[in-house]
Amino acid sequence: MSAINTVVYVIHLLSVLGILVLLLLQSNKSPRTLNPGVLHASLAALIAGIILVGLHNSVKPDEELNHIKVGIKFIFLLVILVLGYVNLKKPVLPKKVWLTMLGLTLTNIVIASWR
């Protein structure tokens, strides 16, 4: 079970990193467009996070899961997904939407690393 947890954890980390990198790659472009990879990475991070929560009690039975932290991260990823799906077909990604998605991703990373 520990090996599965490690693999899912690495997938989750790479997915969140993928969201961040794909959003940052749009910073210099004059007409910002949403890369569909952001949606794929967001969905992969969301599914991997749900699997990690499900495996938590079997992998770390003595450690308490912080449900508030997990819930906030879940909501942030859902908002990123909704913003992505709404703006996927638009020819230009508005700066406010881009900054919101970037801010939510960075906040998600900060919350994850906070003890």
Protein backbone atom coordinates (compact mmCIF):
# COMPACT_ATOMS: atom_id res chain seq x y z
CA MET A 1 0.00 0.00 0.00
CA SER A 2 2.91 2.32 0.70
CA ALA A 3 4.23 1.96 -2.86
CA ILE A 4 0.83 2.84 -4.32
CA ASN A 5 0.63 5.86 -2.02
CA THR A 6 4.08 7.01 -3.14
CA VAL A 7 3.23 6.67 -6.84
CA VAL A 8 -0.05 8.56 -6.41
CA TYR A 9 1.75 11.24 -4.36
CA VAL A 10 4.33 11.75 -7.12
CA ILE A 11 1.54 11.98 -9.71
CA HIS A 12 -0.21 14.58 -7.54
CA LEU A 13 2.96 16.65 -7.14
CA LEU A 14 3.78 16.52 -10.86
CA SER A 15 0.21 17.50 -11.74
CA VAL A 16 0.25 20.57 -9.51
CA LEU A 17 3.68 21.48 -10.86
CA GLY A 18 2.30 21.05 -14.38
CA ILE A 19 -0.54 23.47 -13.64
CA LEU A 20 1.94 26.04 -12.35
CA VAL A 21 4.38 25.66 -15.26
CA LEU A 22 1.68 25.77 -17.94
CA LEU A 23 0.18 28.91 -16.41
CA LEU A 24 3.56 30.58 -16.05
CA LEU A 25 4.40 29.83 -19.69
CA GLN A 26 1.50 32.10 -20.66
CA SER A 27 2.91 35.11 -18.77
CA ASN A 28 4.93 36.49 -21.70
CA LYS A 29 2.40 35.83 -24.44
CA SER A 30 0.47 38.83 -25.67
CA PRO A 31 -2.81 37.03 -26.41
CA ARG A 32 -2.93 34.59 -23.50
CA THR A 33 -4.71 31.36 -24.28
CA LEU A 34 -5.46 28.52 -21.93
CA ASN A 35 -3.40 25.44 -22.60
CA PRO A 36 -5.64 22.35 -22.35
CA GLY A 37 -2.87 20.72 -20.35
CA VAL A 38 -3.88 22.89 -17.40
CA LEU A 39 -7.24 21.14 -17.33
CA HIS A 40 -5.66 17.70 -17.67
CA ALA A 41 -3.16 18.44 -14.90
CA SER A 42 -5.91 19.87 -12.67
CA LEU A 43 -8.09 16.82 -13.11
CA ALA A 44 -5.13 14.49 -12.51
CA ALA A 45 -4.19 16.41 -9.34
CA LEU A 46 -7.80 16.28 -8.14
CA ILE A 47 -8.15 12.53 -8.71
CA ALA A 48 -4.75 11.80 -7.19
CA GLY A 49 -5.64 13.94 -4.16
CA ILE A 50 -8.89 12.06 -3.65
CA ILE A 51 -7.00 8.76 -3.86
CA LEU A 52 -4.43 10.04 -1.35
CA VAL A 53 -7.19 10.95 1.10
CA GLY A 54 -8.71 7.50 0.66
CA LEU A 55 -5.39 5.76 1.28
CA HIS A 56 -4.42 7.92 4.25
CA ASN A 57 -5.85 5.74 7.02
CA SER A 58 -4.31 2.55 5.66
CA VAL A 59 -0.88 4.06 5.06
CA LYS A 60 -0.63 6.31 8.13
CA PRO A 61 -3.08 4.97 10.74
CA ASP A 62 -1.47 6.86 13.64
CA GLU A 63 -1.53 10.25 11.89
CA GLU A 64 -4.66 12.45 11.90
CA LEU A 65 -5.80 13.82 8.53
CA ASN A 66 -6.41 17.57 8.42
CA HIS A 67 -9.81 17.69 6.73
CA ILE A 68 -9.91 21.50 6.59
CA LYS A 69 -6.67 21.59 4.64
CA VAL A 70 -7.87 18.88 2.27
CA GLY A 71 -11.23 20.61 1.80
CA ILE A 72 -9.66 23.98 0.96
CA LYS A 73 -7.27 22.36 -1.54
CA PHE A 74 -10.21 20.49 -3.08
CA ILE A 75 -12.22 23.69 -3.50
CA PHE A 76 -9.24 25.52 -5.02
CA LEU A 77 -8.72 22.75 -7.58
CA LEU A 78 -12.42 22.72 -8.41
CA VAL A 79 -12.35 26.49 -9.01
CA ILE A 80 -9.30 26.10 -11.26
CA LEU A 81 -11.12 23.39 -13.21
CA VAL A 82 -14.31 25.44 -13.58
CA LEU A 83 -12.40 28.54 -14.68
CA GLY A 84 -10.46 26.40 -17.14
CA TYR A 85 -13.52 24.77 -18.67
CA VAL A 86 -15.34 28.10 -18.97
CA ASN A 87 -12.39 29.79 -20.70
CA LEU A 88 -11.02 26.89 -22.75
CA LYS A 89 -12.68 27.77 -26.06
CA LYS A 90 -12.18 31.52 -25.76
CA PRO A 91 -9.55 32.96 -28.11
CA VAL A 92 -8.04 35.11 -25.35
CA LEU A 93 -7.68 34.23 -21.68
CA PRO A 94 -8.53 37.33 -19.60
CA LYS A 95 -5.75 38.53 -17.33
CA LYS A 96 -8.01 38.38 -14.26
CA VAL A 97 -8.81 34.73 -14.89
CA TRP A 98 -5.16 33.90 -15.50
CA LEU A 99 -4.09 35.67 -12.31
CA THR A 100 -6.87 33.97 -10.34
CA MET A 101 -5.83 30.53 -11.56
CA LEU A 102 -2.17 31.29 -10.88
CA GLY A 103 -2.95 32.66 -7.42
CA LEU A 104 -5.08 29.65 -6.51
CA THR A 105 -2.34 27.30 -7.67
CA LEU A 106 0.32 29.11 -5.64
CA THR A 107 -1.97 29.26 -2.60
CA ASN A 108 -2.64 25.55 -3.00
CA ILE A 109 1.11 24.87 -2.94
CA VAL A 110 1.60 27.06 0.13
CA ILE A 111 -1.25 25.32 1.97
CA ALA A 112 0.18 21.91 1.08
CA SER A 113 3.62 22.79 2.44
CA TRP A 114 2.27 24.43 5.61
CA ARG A 115 2.51 22.22 8.69
